[in-house]
């Protein structure tokens, strides 16, 4: 190879020069220069739609750049597929998971591998994967099928898949979203040990505290261009946020004390089974009143997904009652909860939150197409649909080429804004928000938090399910903790109680909880009435 073809920075694990990528109506990457030193943890920050995912999709072989060059370990490379990238030691955990839903965890991990060719020794394979998952603190059942797992567990599978494939340059998109504070510390120890043994990590996160804690350098993108590259130790959260969104950002939204009124959402001793027929909820009880935000903290896989599905009418309860605005909607069709005034912001925005192949405008009317002025019998008012869609896109700042763009072509953050626009505009009596800001940048997160607080102050009852303790502490008026399908304690939203919340999330019941006398079966309903 001609030496002139080599990068002039051989100490760099990754170097991307002048990367350009354009989609219809969108210039995603505009002459981006991005480099990562060998053996460092490099954070990549930017607003939703800033071009981060596109840039990393180019690096991982999913997209080909319209212009620019990529160097790995100082040598130029051209990737035609993710397999090419993996063969060069690059593995990416995507924001939207790349898993085959009908196959097991073990089967997903060996996809794309040359071995085994003909016969799979499942016990040996599953034992290897179980050992790998324990090593990195990412426990998941190797024999479970992907469709049986929660969103958080599927994210763990994606991380394990890259590690199993032997990635030396690991691109991690929001890897801590489903972990307790103690598990985050454990993951960071793992990343540091990986770097110490020659790995390189590109860490995409909207949690600036984590970026400050784990990264060596930070590259900031805004509107497809690099705005700055900084040494992490020489910058601050406020400065990083300003570089991302171009203005000052409030990390904690000021809110007045809650003034709870009558109960709106009542969950009374509800039990249900998961997709494998095992208990997911066990006599779970919780009440949410008008004018308050109740945060539900817990590690993914402890019944949160099943709880959301039971409340919204997507899963059958084996016992107990769900009451919304005095109406029993237990085991009724999903339309019963909607008609009772429930807005649902699901964890799985692609599979549940939107219809990916429908347009932005069509997704925005999915709850209203049966009612005037949008619908009248079999007829749809196209002029009203256009007016409503353009108004909501503008009000909720959904970045899209136009209202006729398919929802699947939006960035993750803009897809979330689309869901919020549809749900909040319905003027609900109760909102169930499951990880409402997962994958959103700090500016969009601030906007979502303001929306939820405004809805609370308007008298809406809000149940917010999240593993982000900063979010829970900032927004919640009460925090309940779920573990193995039960409420194991309740604590006030106090920064000094973070360790206690983390221990409860890990299954350690408090000796005394915020609401004295929460019984072992998690029934705190009596204490809240």
Protein backbone atom coordinates (compact mmCIF):
# COMPACT_ATOMS: atom_id res chain seq x y z
CA UNK A 1 0.00 0.00 0.00
CA UNK A 2 1.23 3.47 -0.87
CA UNK A 3 2.16 5.31 2.36
CA UNK A 4 0.26 8.35 1.06
CA UNK A 5 -2.92 6.35 1.43
CA UNK A 6 -2.42 5.97 5.17
CA UNK A 7 -3.87 8.32 7.75
CA UNK A 8 -1.32 10.77 9.09
CA UNK A 9 -2.61 9.93 12.59
CA UNK A 10 -1.85 6.21 13.07
CA UNK A 11 -2.52 6.50 16.83
CA UNK A 12 -6.20 7.03 16.02
CA UNK A 13 -8.49 4.00 16.24
CA UNK A 14 -11.09 5.75 14.07
CA UNK A 15 -10.79 8.73 11.76
CA UNK A 16 -13.62 9.99 9.55
CA UNK A 17 -12.75 12.84 7.19
CA UNK A 18 -15.16 15.12 5.36
CA UNK A 19 -18.15 12.80 5.74
CA UNK A 20 -21.22 13.90 3.79
CA UNK A 21 -24.55 12.09 3.85
CA UNK A 22 -27.76 13.46 2.39
CA UNK A 23 -31.30 12.10 2.44
CA UNK A 24 -34.30 13.59 0.60
CA UNK A 25 -34.81 17.01 2.15
CA UNK A 26 -32.17 16.49 4.87
CA UNK A 27 -28.40 17.04 4.92
CA UNK A 28 -27.62 14.71 7.81
CA UNK A 29 -23.80 15.04 7.81
CA UNK A 30 -22.14 18.13 6.37
CA UNK A 31 -18.38 17.56 5.92
CA UNK A 32 -17.94 15.98 9.33
CA UNK A 33 -14.47 15.28 10.71
CA UNK A 34 -14.55 12.82 13.61
CA UNK A 35 -11.66 11.01 15.24
CA UNK A 36 -11.25 8.69 18.20
CA UNK A 37 -7.93 7.88 19.80
CA UNK A 38 -6.96 4.30 20.40
CA UNK A 39 -7.86 3.24 23.94
CA UNK A 40 -10.15 6.16 24.84
CA UNK A 41 -13.81 6.58 25.71
CA UNK A 42 -15.08 9.24 23.35
CA UNK A 43 -18.54 10.77 23.85
CA UNK A 44 -20.64 11.89 20.88
CA UNK A 45 -23.28 14.50 21.72
CA UNK A 46 -25.87 16.39 19.74
CA UNK A 47 -29.51 17.27 19.44
CA UNK A 48 -31.96 14.75 18.01
CA UNK A 49 -31.53 14.95 14.26
CA UNK A 50 -28.03 16.44 14.56
CA UNK A 51 -26.55 13.55 12.57
CA UNK A 52 -25.03 11.37 15.32
CA UNK A 53 -26.83 8.16 14.36
CA UNK A 54 -26.21 8.73 10.66
CA UNK A 55 -22.49 9.22 11.29
CA UNK A 56 -22.30 6.06 13.39
CA UNK A 57 -24.40 4.11 10.88
CA UNK A 58 -21.76 5.02 8.29
CA UNK A 59 -19.00 3.86 10.63
CA UNK A 60 -20.82 0.59 11.32
CA UNK A 61 -21.42 -0.15 7.63
CA UNK A 62 -25.17 0.41 7.45
CA UNK A 63 -24.86 3.50 5.24
CA UNK A 64 -22.27 4.52 2.66
CA UNK A 65 -21.18 8.16 2.71
CA UNK A 66 -21.85 10.41 -0.27
CA UNK A 67 -18.37 11.86 0.26
CA UNK A 68 -15.50 11.47 2.69
CA UNK A 69 -13.15 8.74 3.88
CA UNK A 70 -12.86 6.39 6.85
CA UNK A 71 -9.60 5.19 8.40
CA UNK A 72 -9.40 2.35 10.95
CA UNK A 73 -6.10 2.08 12.79
CA UNK A 74 -4.61 4.47 10.23
CA UNK A 75 -5.64 2.46 7.14
CA UNK A 76 -8.39 3.49 4.70
CA UNK A 77 -11.43 1.22 4.63
CA UNK A 78 -14.63 0.97 2.63
CA UNK A 79 -17.58 -0.77 4.25
CA UNK A 80 -20.28 -2.34 2.10
CA UNK A 81 -22.20 -3.88 5.02
CA UNK A 82 -22.19 -4.19 8.81
CA UNK A 83 -20.37 -7.49 8.36
CA UNK A 84 -17.42 -5.58 6.88
CA UNK A 85 -17.41 -3.25 9.89
CA UNK A 86 -17.59 -6.15 12.36
CA UNK A 87 -14.65 -7.83 10.60
CA UNK A 88 -12.71 -4.62 11.27
CA UNK A 89 -13.68 -4.85 14.96
CA UNK A 90 -16.48 -2.24 14.96
CA UNK A 91 -19.72 -3.09 16.75
CA UNK A 92 -22.66 -0.74 17.29
CA UNK A 93 -25.55 -1.02 19.72
CA UNK A 94 -28.28 0.82 17.84
CA UNK A 95 -30.96 3.06 19.26
CA UNK A 96 -33.57 0.96 17.46
CA UNK A 97 -32.61 -2.64 18.07
CA UNK A 98 -31.40 -4.92 15.28
CA UNK A 99 -32.76 -8.18 16.64
CA UNK A 100 -34.87 -11.01 15.20
CA UNK A 101 -37.93 -11.09 17.45
CA UNK A 102 -38.85 -14.77 16.91
CA UNK A 103 -35.38 -16.11 17.72
CA UNK A 104 -33.75 -16.65 21.10
CA UNK A 105 -31.09 -14.48 22.67
CA UNK A 106 -28.46 -17.13 21.90
CA UNK A 107 -29.55 -17.43 18.28
CA UNK A 108 -29.41 -13.65 17.82
CA UNK A 109 -25.88 -13.54 19.19
CA UNK A 110 -24.53 -16.06 16.66
CA UNK A 111 -26.20 -14.43 13.63
CA UNK A 112 -23.51 -13.45 11.13
CA UNK A 113 -20.92 -15.76 12.70
CA UNK A 114 -19.08 -18.32 10.62
CA UNK A 115 -19.41 -20.91 13.37
CA UNK A 116 -21.23 -23.08 14.21
CA UNK A 117 -22.01 -24.04 10.62
CA UNK A 118 -24.37 -27.02 10.82
CA UNK A 119 -25.05 -28.13 14.39
CA UNK A 120 -25.58 -25.78 17.32
CA UNK A 121 -24.65 -27.05 20.76
CA UNK A 122 -27.30 -25.03 22.59
CA UNK A 123 -26.29 -25.92 26.18
CA UNK A 124 -22.67 -24.94 25.50
CA UNK A 125 -23.67 -21.77 23.63
CA UNK A 126 -26.13 -20.66 26.30
CA UNK A 127 -23.57 -21.33 29.04
CA UNK A 128 -21.02 -19.14 27.22
CA UNK A 129 -23.54 -16.33 26.83
CA UNK A 130 -24.66 -16.59 30.45
CA UNK A 131 -21.03 -16.30 31.57
CA UNK A 132 -20.49 -13.30 29.30
CA UNK A 133 -23.63 -11.59 30.58
CA UNK A 134 -22.63 -12.13 34.21
CA UNK A 135 -19.12 -10.82 33.49
CA UNK A 136 -20.50 -7.52 32.22
CA UNK A 137 -23.46 -7.24 34.58
CA UNK A 138 -25.98 -7.56 31.74
CA UNK A 139 -28.04 -10.51 32.90
CA UNK A 140 -30.52 -11.93 30.41
CA UNK A 141 -31.91 -15.43 29.77
CA UNK A 142 -30.02 -16.89 26.75
CA UNK A 143 -32.97 -19.17 25.96
CA UNK A 144 -35.64 -16.46 25.93
CA UNK A 145 -37.07 -15.28 22.63
CA UNK A 146 -36.59 -11.60 21.86
CA UNK A 147 -40.33 -10.87 21.67
CA UNK A 148 -40.64 -12.10 25.25
CA UNK A 149 -38.14 -9.52 26.57
CA UNK A 150 -38.72 -5.97 27.72
CA UNK A 151 -37.17 -3.08 25.81
CA UNK A 152 -34.44 -2.80 28.44
CA UNK A 153 -33.58 -6.48 28.22
CA UNK A 154 -33.40 -6.25 24.43
CA UNK A 155 -30.89 -3.42 24.80
CA UNK A 156 -28.75 -5.69 26.96
CA UNK A 157 -28.89 -8.33 24.23
CA UNK A 158 -27.58 -5.79 21.72
CA UNK A 159 -24.63 -4.96 23.98
CA UNK A 160 -23.90 -8.65 24.54
CA UNK A 161 -24.09 -9.33 20.80
CA UNK A 162 -21.33 -6.84 20.05
CA UNK A 163 -19.16 -8.17 22.87
CA UNK A 164 -19.75 -11.75 21.69
CA UNK A 165 -18.71 -10.79 18.16
CA UNK A 166 -15.41 -9.55 19.54
CA UNK A 167 -15.80 -5.85 18.83
CA UNK A 168 -12.67 -3.83 19.62
CA UNK A 169 -14.27 -0.49 18.77
CA UNK A 170 -17.65 -0.44 20.51
CA UNK A 171 -20.27 2.20 19.68
CA UNK A 172 -22.75 2.37 22.55
CA UNK A 173 -25.99 4.35 22.15
CA UNK A 174 -27.60 5.13 25.53
CA UNK A 175 -26.23 1.97 27.21
CA UNK A 176 -27.19 2.98 30.77
CA UNK A 177 -30.85 3.75 30.18
CA UNK A 178 -32.00 0.53 31.87
CA UNK A 179 -29.55 0.33 34.78
CA UNK A 180 -29.69 1.26 38.45
CA UNK A 181 -27.05 3.70 39.75
CA UNK A 182 -25.11 0.76 41.17
CA UNK A 183 -25.24 -1.05 37.81
CA UNK A 184 -24.14 2.11 35.99
CA UNK A 185 -21.07 2.18 38.23
CA UNK A 186 -20.45 -1.46 37.35
CA UNK A 187 -20.81 -0.81 33.61
CA UNK A 188 -18.40 2.11 33.82
CA UNK A 189 -15.88 -0.14 35.55
CA UNK A 190 -16.34 -2.63 32.71
CA UNK A 191 -15.80 0.05 30.06
CA UNK A 192 -12.69 1.32 31.80
CA UNK A 193 -11.30 -2.21 32.03
CA UNK A 194 -12.10 -2.77 28.35
CA UNK A 195 -10.23 0.41 27.44
CA UNK A 196 -7.32 -0.63 29.64
CA UNK A 197 -7.04 -3.87 27.65
CA UNK A 198 -7.04 -2.15 24.24
CA UNK A 199 -10.70 -1.54 23.43
CA UNK A 200 -12.01 1.80 22.21
CA UNK A 201 -15.48 3.06 23.10
CA UNK A 202 -17.68 5.64 21.39
CA UNK A 203 -20.27 6.57 23.98
CA UNK A 204 -23.50 8.22 22.78
CA UNK A 205 -25.51 9.55 25.69
CA UNK A 206 -27.83 12.41 26.55
CA UNK A 207 -26.93 12.13 30.24
CA UNK A 208 -24.29 14.78 30.68
CA UNK A 209 -23.37 13.59 34.19
CA UNK A 210 -22.42 10.24 32.67
CA UNK A 211 -20.49 11.87 29.84
CA UNK A 212 -18.52 13.85 32.40
CA UNK A 213 -17.94 10.73 34.50
CA UNK A 214 -16.85 8.27 31.82
CA UNK A 215 -15.47 10.01 28.73
CA UNK A 216 -12.01 11.31 27.89
CA UNK A 217 -13.10 13.61 25.06
CA UNK A 218 -16.38 14.86 23.61
CA UNK A 219 -17.37 15.68 20.03
CA UNK A 220 -20.49 17.84 19.71
CA UNK A 221 -22.67 17.85 16.58
CA UNK A 222 -25.31 20.42 15.72
CA UNK A 223 -27.32 20.41 12.48
CA UNK A 224 -24.97 17.93 10.84
CA UNK A 225 -21.74 19.78 11.64
CA UNK A 226 -19.13 19.48 14.37
CA UNK A 227 -19.39 22.49 16.67
CA UNK A 228 -16.48 21.55 18.93
CA UNK A 229 -14.24 18.79 20.24
CA UNK A 230 -13.31 19.22 23.89
CA UNK A 231 -11.37 17.44 26.60
CA UNK A 232 -14.00 16.31 29.11
CA UNK A 233 -12.00 17.43 32.12
CA UNK A 234 -11.83 20.97 30.72
CA UNK A 235 -15.56 21.50 30.18
CA UNK A 236 -18.83 21.59 32.17
CA UNK A 237 -22.35 20.25 31.80
CA UNK A 238 -23.68 23.71 31.08
CA UNK A 239 -21.11 24.31 28.35
CA UNK A 240 -21.79 20.92 26.72
CA UNK A 241 -25.52 21.63 26.74
CA UNK A 242 -24.94 25.06 25.19
CA UNK A 243 -22.77 23.55 22.46
CA UNK A 244 -25.50 21.00 21.72
CA UNK A 245 -28.54 23.26 21.45
CA UNK A 246 -27.05 26.71 20.99
CA UNK A 247 -28.58 28.20 24.13
CA UNK A 248 -28.57 27.84 27.90
CA UNK A 249 -30.48 24.80 29.19
CA UNK A 250 -32.22 24.29 32.53
CA UNK A 251 -31.39 20.86 33.98
CA UNK A 252 -34.00 21.04 36.71
CA UNK A 253 -37.34 22.56 35.80
CA UNK A 254 -38.80 24.79 38.47
CA UNK A 255 -42.22 23.59 39.50
CA UNK A 256 -44.65 24.56 42.19
CA UNK A 257 -45.73 21.99 44.81
CA UNK A 258 -48.34 19.55 43.59
CA UNK A 259 -51.95 19.95 44.63
CA UNK A 260 -53.36 16.42 44.22
CA UNK A 261 -57.09 16.11 43.88
CA UNK A 262 -59.35 13.10 43.41
CA UNK A 263 -57.95 9.72 42.27
CA UNK A 264 -57.93 9.35 38.49
CA UNK A 265 -55.90 6.18 37.86
CA UNK A 266 -56.40 3.38 40.38
CA UNK A 267 -54.51 0.11 40.09
CA UNK A 268 -55.97 -2.29 42.63
CA UNK A 269 -54.17 -5.56 43.45
CA UNK A 270 -53.44 -6.30 39.79
CA UNK A 271 -51.66 -9.50 38.79
CA UNK A 272 -50.75 -10.70 35.31
CA UNK A 273 -48.47 -13.07 33.43
CA UNK A 274 -45.64 -12.24 31.07
CA UNK A 275 -45.28 -13.63 27.55
CA UNK A 276 -43.72 -16.82 28.92
CA UNK A 277 -46.64 -17.48 31.23
CA UNK A 278 -44.74 -16.49 34.37
CA UNK A 279 -45.97 -13.98 36.97
CA UNK A 280 -45.07 -10.41 35.95
CA UNK A 281 -47.25 -8.43 38.38
CA UNK A 282 -48.21 -9.72 41.81
CA UNK A 283 -51.05 -7.84 43.49
CA UNK A 284 -49.64 -4.54 42.31
CA UNK A 285 -51.46 -1.50 43.73
CA UNK A 286 -50.94 2.20 43.11
CA UNK A 287 -53.13 5.29 42.91
CA UNK A 288 -52.41 8.42 40.88
CA UNK A 289 -54.43 11.54 41.61
CA UNK A 290 -55.33 14.49 39.44
CA UNK A 291 -52.60 17.11 39.52
CA UNK A 292 -49.63 14.93 40.50
CA UNK A 293 -46.79 13.03 38.86
CA UNK A 294 -46.09 9.63 40.38
CA UNK A 295 -42.75 8.20 39.27
CA UNK A 296 -42.28 4.44 39.11
CA UNK A 297 -38.63 3.45 39.40
CA UNK A 298 -37.24 0.01 38.68
CA UNK A 299 -34.77 -2.00 36.64
CA UNK A 300 -36.17 -3.14 33.28
CA UNK A 301 -37.83 -6.54 33.39
CA UNK A 302 -39.53 -6.19 36.76
CA UNK A 303 -43.05 -5.84 35.38
CA UNK A 304 -43.06 -2.27 34.07
CA UNK A 305 -43.84 -3.27 30.50
CA UNK A 306 -46.61 -5.63 31.56
CA UNK A 307 -48.07 -2.97 33.88
CA UNK A 308 -48.25 -0.47 31.03
CA UNK A 309 -49.90 -3.04 28.78
CA UNK A 310 -52.48 -4.03 31.40
CA UNK A 311 -53.41 -0.38 32.04
CA UNK A 312 -53.67 0.41 28.32
CA UNK A 313 -55.71 -2.70 27.52
CA UNK A 314 -52.98 -4.54 25.61
CA UNK A 315 -52.55 -7.36 28.17
CA UNK A 316 -55.03 -9.34 30.27
CA UNK A 317 -54.95 -9.07 34.07
CA UNK A 318 -55.41 -12.35 35.90
CA UNK A 319 -56.82 -10.55 38.92
CA UNK A 320 -57.39 -7.05 40.25
CA UNK A 321 -58.90 -3.91 38.71
CA UNK A 322 -57.83 -0.92 36.61
CA UNK A 323 -60.06 2.10 37.15
CA UNK A 324 -59.73 5.35 35.14
CA UNK A 325 -61.96 8.27 36.04
CA UNK A 326 -64.25 5.90 37.92
CA UNK A 327 -64.63 3.59 34.91
CA UNK A 328 -63.50 -0.02 35.24
CA UNK A 329 -61.42 -0.73 32.12
CA UNK A 330 -59.96 -4.05 33.29
CA UNK A 331 -59.49 -6.45 30.38
CA UNK A 332 -61.44 -4.15 28.07
CA UNK A 333 -60.29 -3.19 24.56
CA UNK A 334 -57.65 -0.45 24.32
CA UNK A 335 -60.33 1.97 23.12
CA UNK A 336 -61.98 1.74 26.57
CA UNK A 337 -58.91 3.27 28.26
CA UNK A 338 -58.65 5.91 25.51
CA UNK A 339 -62.32 6.83 25.88
CA UNK A 340 -61.84 7.04 29.66
CA UNK A 341 -59.18 9.72 29.06
CA UNK A 342 -55.86 7.82 29.05
CA UNK A 343 -52.91 8.99 26.97
CA UNK A 344 -50.17 6.39 26.50
CA UNK A 345 -46.53 7.14 25.67
CA UNK A 346 -45.08 3.62 25.23
CA UNK A 347 -41.52 2.44 25.73
CA UNK A 348 -41.39 0.89 22.24
CA UNK A 349 -41.91 3.93 20.05
CA UNK A 350 -41.41 2.03 16.77
CA UNK A 351 -43.40 -1.13 17.51
CA UNK A 352 -46.23 0.41 19.57
CA UNK A 353 -46.01 4.20 19.54
CA UNK A 354 -46.25 4.80 15.80
CA UNK A 355 -47.21 3.02 12.63
CA UNK A 356 -43.82 3.33 10.90
CA UNK A 357 -45.03 3.15 7.30
CA UNK A 358 -47.79 5.73 7.77
CA UNK A 359 -47.05 9.42 7.33
CA UNK A 360 -46.49 11.93 10.12
CA UNK A 361 -49.98 13.35 9.49
CA UNK A 362 -51.61 9.92 9.56
CA UNK A 363 -49.88 9.01 12.83
CA UNK A 364 -51.07 12.24 14.42
CA UNK A 365 -54.75 11.35 13.87
CA UNK A 366 -54.64 7.71 14.98
CA UNK A 367 -56.69 8.51 18.10
CA UNK A 368 -59.12 10.90 16.41
CA UNK A 369 -59.87 9.47 12.98
CA UNK A 370 -63.20 8.05 14.24
CA UNK A 371 -64.49 11.40 15.50
CA UNK A 372 -65.41 14.78 13.97
CA UNK A 373 -63.90 16.99 12.70
CA UNK A 374 -61.27 14.48 11.50
CA UNK A 375 -63.64 11.67 10.61
CA UNK A 376 -67.30 11.37 9.69
CA UNK A 377 -68.33 7.80 9.13
CA UNK A 378 -66.11 6.41 6.40
CA UNK A 379 -64.93 9.84 5.24
CA UNK A 380 -61.84 11.71 6.42
CA UNK A 381 -61.54 15.48 6.36
CA UNK A 382 -58.22 15.86 4.54
CA UNK A 383 -58.09 19.63 4.98
CA UNK A 384 -58.57 19.29 8.76
CA UNK A 385 -55.94 16.53 8.91
CA UNK A 386 -53.45 18.78 7.13
CA UNK A 387 -54.25 21.74 9.40
CA UNK A 388 -54.00 19.63 12.58
CA UNK A 389 -50.76 17.96 11.52
CA UNK A 390 -49.03 21.21 10.56
CA UNK A 391 -50.12 22.82 13.83
CA UNK A 392 -48.84 19.95 15.99
CA UNK A 393 -45.56 19.61 14.06
CA UNK A 394 -44.94 23.30 14.64
CA UNK A 395 -46.07 23.34 18.30
CA UNK A 396 -44.07 20.27 19.31
CA UNK A 397 -41.07 21.07 17.09
CA UNK A 398 -41.12 17.78 15.19
CA UNK A 399 -38.26 18.02 12.68
CA UNK A 400 -39.54 16.42 9.46
CA UNK A 401 -39.20 17.32 5.76
CA UNK A 402 -43.02 17.54 5.60
CA UNK A 403 -46.15 16.01 7.14
CA UNK A 404 -46.27 13.35 4.40
CA UNK A 405 -42.91 11.83 5.44
CA UNK A 406 -43.16 8.26 6.74
CA UNK A 407 -42.73 8.08 10.51
CA UNK A 408 -40.00 5.46 10.18
CA UNK A 409 -37.73 8.03 8.51
CA UNK A 410 -37.72 10.32 11.57
CA UNK A 411 -34.90 10.28 14.12
CA UNK A 412 -35.71 8.57 17.41
CA UNK A 413 -36.15 11.87 19.20
CA UNK A 414 -38.47 13.30 16.58
CA UNK A 415 -40.49 10.11 16.58
CA UNK A 416 -40.92 10.57 20.33
CA UNK A 417 -42.05 14.17 19.80
CA UNK A 418 -44.58 12.88 17.27
CA UNK A 419 -46.04 10.52 19.88
CA UNK A 420 -46.13 13.26 22.52
CA UNK A 421 -47.86 15.62 20.11
CA UNK A 422 -50.61 13.08 19.41
CA UNK A 423 -51.13 12.02 23.02
CA UNK A 424 -50.95 15.37 24.82
CA UNK A 425 -53.07 17.15 22.21
CA UNK A 426 -55.94 14.80 23.08
CA UNK A 427 -56.37 16.68 26.39
CA UNK A 428 -56.18 13.52 28.51
CA UNK A 429 -57.30 13.04 32.11
CA UNK A 430 -54.42 10.63 32.77
CA UNK A 431 -51.05 10.17 31.08
CA UNK A 432 -48.98 7.00 31.32
CA UNK A 433 -45.48 7.94 30.14
CA UNK A 434 -43.01 5.04 29.83
CA UNK A 435 -39.42 6.30 29.48
CA UNK A 436 -40.75 9.54 27.94
CA UNK A 437 -37.31 11.07 27.27
CA UNK A 438 -35.27 7.99 26.42
CA UNK A 439 -32.97 8.95 23.58
CA UNK A 440 -33.83 12.66 23.65
CA UNK A 441 -31.22 15.40 23.79
CA UNK A 442 -31.11 17.82 26.69
CA UNK A 443 -33.07 20.49 24.84
CA UNK A 444 -35.85 18.09 23.84
CA UNK A 445 -35.83 16.54 27.32
CA UNK A 446 -36.32 19.99 28.84
CA UNK A 447 -39.28 20.57 26.50
CA UNK A 448 -40.89 17.22 27.36
CA UNK A 449 -40.45 17.86 31.08
CA UNK A 450 -42.13 21.25 30.70
CA UNK A 451 -45.03 19.62 28.86
CA UNK A 452 -45.54 17.04 31.60
CA UNK A 453 -45.41 19.64 34.35
CA UNK A 454 -47.87 21.83 32.44
CA UNK A 455 -50.20 18.85 32.12
CA UNK A 456 -49.86 18.15 35.85
CA UNK A 457 -50.67 21.77 36.67
CA UNK A 458 -53.68 21.52 34.36
CA UNK A 459 -54.99 18.73 36.61
CA UNK A 460 -53.84 15.66 34.69
CA UNK A 461 -52.84 12.55 36.63
CA UNK A 462 -49.45 11.33 35.38
CA UNK A 463 -47.82 7.95 35.93
CA UNK A 464 -44.22 8.14 34.72
CA UNK A 465 -42.27 4.90 34.41
CA UNK A 466 -38.53 5.49 34.14
CA UNK A 467 -35.12 4.14 35.12
CA UNK A 468 -33.56 7.61 34.89
CA UNK A 469 -33.29 8.69 38.51
CA UNK A 470 -32.43 12.28 37.56
CA UNK A 471 -35.68 12.46 35.63
CA UNK A 472 -37.67 10.85 38.42
CA UNK A 473 -36.21 13.15 41.06
CA UNK A 474 -36.76 16.23 38.90
CA UNK A 475 -40.38 15.60 37.91
CA UNK A 476 -42.02 13.28 40.42
CA UNK A 477 -44.14 14.34 43.35
CA UNK A 478 -43.92 10.78 44.69
CA UNK A 479 -41.61 7.91 43.71
CA UNK A 480 -42.72 4.29 44.03
CA UNK A 481 -40.24 1.47 43.34
CA UNK A 482 -41.17 -1.76 41.58
CA UNK A 483 -39.27 -5.03 41.99
CA UNK A 484 -40.43 -8.41 40.68
CA UNK A 485 -43.90 -7.09 40.00
CA UNK A 486 -44.53 -5.51 43.38
CA UNK A 487 -44.22 -2.07 44.95
CA UNK A 488 -41.39 -2.53 47.44
CA UNK A 489 -41.30 1.00 48.81
CA UNK A 490 -42.05 4.63 48.26
CA UNK A 491 -39.71 7.56 48.85
CA UNK A 492 -39.91 11.32 48.37
CA UNK A 493 -38.14 12.88 45.35
CA UNK A 494 -35.06 13.82 47.34
CA UNK A 495 -31.50 13.76 45.97
CA UNK A 496 -30.30 12.46 49.32
CA UNK A 497 -32.37 9.28 48.82
CA UNK A 498 -30.70 8.13 45.59
CA UNK A 499 -28.84 5.27 47.26
CA UNK A 500 -32.02 4.11 48.97
CA UNK A 501 -33.91 4.16 45.66
CA UNK A 502 -31.10 2.24 44.00
CA UNK A 503 -31.17 -0.44 46.69
CA UNK A 504 -34.95 -0.75 46.39
CA UNK A 505 -34.58 -1.13 42.60
CA UNK A 506 -32.15 -3.96 43.29
CA UNK A 507 -34.69 -5.71 45.53
CA UNK A 508 -33.68 -4.54 49.01
CA UNK A 509 -36.85 -3.59 50.84
CA UNK A 510 -36.58 -0.52 53.03
CA UNK A 511 -36.91 -0.93 56.78
CA UNK A 512 -39.09 2.16 56.79
CA UNK A 513 -40.53 3.78 53.68
CA UNK A 514 -41.78 7.26 52.96
CA UNK A 515 -45.30 5.98 53.44
CA UNK A 516 -45.03 4.09 56.69
CA UNK A 517 -46.46 0.62 56.65
CA UNK A 518 -46.27 -0.32 52.96
CA UNK A 519 -47.00 -4.04 53.30
CA UNK A 520 -44.89 -6.77 51.77
CA UNK A 521 -47.25 -7.37 48.88
CA UNK A 522 -46.78 -3.80 47.65
CA UNK A 523 -50.35 -2.70 48.38
CA UNK A 524 -50.03 0.98 49.18
CA UNK A 525 -53.47 1.81 47.89
CA UNK A 526 -54.98 2.17 51.32
CA UNK A 527 -52.31 4.63 52.40
CA UNK A 528 -52.85 6.84 49.38
CA UNK A 529 -56.60 7.14 49.69
